[in-house]
């Protein structure tokens, strides 16, 4: 039956005309983006330091020194991300305070 539906251009799991089950959308999570981005930035820094300390010779021998640059870029973008998330969190807090929420 799947091949017949696939040939007809309908790749849905349900046959044509069968109602699909309706699920309500889940509530959005209230996550502090600053802590998430900070954790990722710390992980990039730790990975870079470990590669520098223990894997520098192996990376050079196997022409994988770009891994160090990847860690440096991850750390740099992470620092910019932390700065951006802090600014956004503070701005949203000031806006909510001005509205009286």
Protein backbone atom coordinates (compact mmCIF):
# COMPACT_ATOMS: atom_id res chain seq x y z
CA UNK A 1 0.00 0.00 0.00
CA UNK A 2 2.89 2.36 0.73
CA UNK A 3 4.25 1.93 -2.77
CA UNK A 4 0.84 2.74 -4.25
CA UNK A 5 0.62 5.91 -2.14
CA UNK A 6 4.23 6.78 -2.93
CA UNK A 7 3.55 6.38 -6.65
CA UNK A 8 0.54 8.63 -6.28
CA UNK A 9 2.77 11.31 -4.76
CA UNK A 10 1.31 11.02 -1.26
CA UNK A 11 4.05 9.97 1.17
CA UNK A 12 1.91 10.49 4.26
CA UNK A 13 1.54 7.72 6.83
CA UNK A 14 -2.22 8.02 6.55
CA UNK A 15 -4.36 7.00 3.63
CA UNK A 16 -6.13 9.78 1.76
CA UNK A 17 -9.36 10.75 3.47
CA UNK A 18 -8.38 9.39 6.89
CA UNK A 19 -8.34 12.18 9.48
CA UNK A 20 -5.00 12.76 11.12
CA UNK A 21 -4.87 12.83 14.93
CA UNK A 22 -4.78 16.36 16.33
CA UNK A 23 -2.33 17.06 19.12
CA UNK A 24 -2.27 20.37 20.94
CA UNK A 25 0.94 22.34 20.64
CA UNK A 26 3.19 21.98 23.69
CA UNK A 27 3.82 24.98 25.88
CA UNK A 28 7.14 26.69 25.19
CA UNK A 29 9.92 26.06 27.68
CA UNK A 30 11.21 28.95 29.71
CA UNK A 31 14.96 28.47 29.26
CA UNK A 32 17.67 30.90 30.28
CA UNK A 33 19.62 31.22 27.04
CA UNK A 34 22.58 32.81 28.80
CA UNK A 35 23.35 29.63 30.75
CA UNK A 36 22.95 27.43 27.67
CA UNK A 37 25.24 29.59 25.51
CA UNK A 38 27.75 29.93 28.36
CA UNK A 39 27.87 26.14 28.76
CA UNK A 40 28.52 25.72 25.04
CA UNK A 41 31.24 28.37 25.12
CA UNK A 42 32.95 26.67 28.04
CA UNK A 43 32.82 23.33 26.22
CA UNK A 44 34.49 24.86 23.13
CA UNK A 45 37.19 26.38 25.35
CA UNK A 46 37.82 23.08 27.16
CA UNK A 47 37.99 21.19 23.86
CA UNK A 48 40.48 23.70 22.47
CA UNK A 49 42.66 23.58 25.58
CA UNK A 50 42.65 19.77 25.59
CA UNK A 51 43.65 19.70 21.93
CA UNK A 52 46.42 22.19 22.58
CA UNK A 53 47.71 20.30 25.59
CA UNK A 54 47.48 16.69 24.43
CA UNK A 55 46.83 16.55 20.71
CA UNK A 56 48.86 19.27 19.07
CA UNK A 57 51.52 16.89 17.68
CA UNK A 58 48.96 14.38 16.46
CA UNK A 59 46.90 17.12 14.83
CA UNK A 60 49.96 18.47 13.02
CA UNK A 61 51.06 14.99 11.91
CA UNK A 62 47.63 14.22 10.46
CA UNK A 63 46.99 17.71 9.02
CA UNK A 64 44.06 18.39 11.34
CA UNK A 65 45.19 21.70 12.83
CA UNK A 66 41.93 23.21 11.61
CA UNK A 67 40.32 21.55 14.65
CA UNK A 68 42.07 24.10 16.84
CA UNK A 69 40.69 26.91 14.69
CA UNK A 70 37.24 25.36 14.94
CA UNK A 71 37.48 25.44 18.74
CA UNK A 72 38.73 29.03 18.61
CA UNK A 73 35.82 30.03 16.37
CA UNK A 74 33.33 28.22 18.63
CA UNK A 75 34.71 30.02 21.64
CA UNK A 76 34.70 33.41 19.87
CA UNK A 77 31.16 33.05 18.60
CA UNK A 78 30.14 31.79 22.05
CA UNK A 79 31.51 34.92 23.73
CA UNK A 80 29.56 37.04 21.24
CA UNK A 81 26.48 34.88 21.89
CA UNK A 82 26.74 35.30 25.66
CA UNK A 83 27.02 39.07 25.21
CA UNK A 84 24.00 39.10 22.89
CA UNK A 85 21.87 36.88 25.17
CA UNK A 86 22.67 39.01 28.23
CA UNK A 87 21.72 42.20 26.39
CA UNK A 88 18.48 40.60 25.17
CA UNK A 89 17.59 39.25 28.63
CA UNK A 90 18.23 42.64 30.23
CA UNK A 91 16.25 44.46 27.54
CA UNK A 92 13.29 42.09 27.92
CA UNK A 93 13.42 42.54 31.71
CA UNK A 94 13.35 46.33 31.39
CA UNK A 95 10.45 46.14 28.93
CA UNK A 96 8.48 43.85 31.24
CA UNK A 97 9.18 46.12 34.22
CA UNK A 98 8.00 49.16 32.27
CA UNK A 99 4.74 47.38 31.44
CA UNK A 100 4.26 46.39 35.06
CA UNK A 101 4.40 42.63 34.52
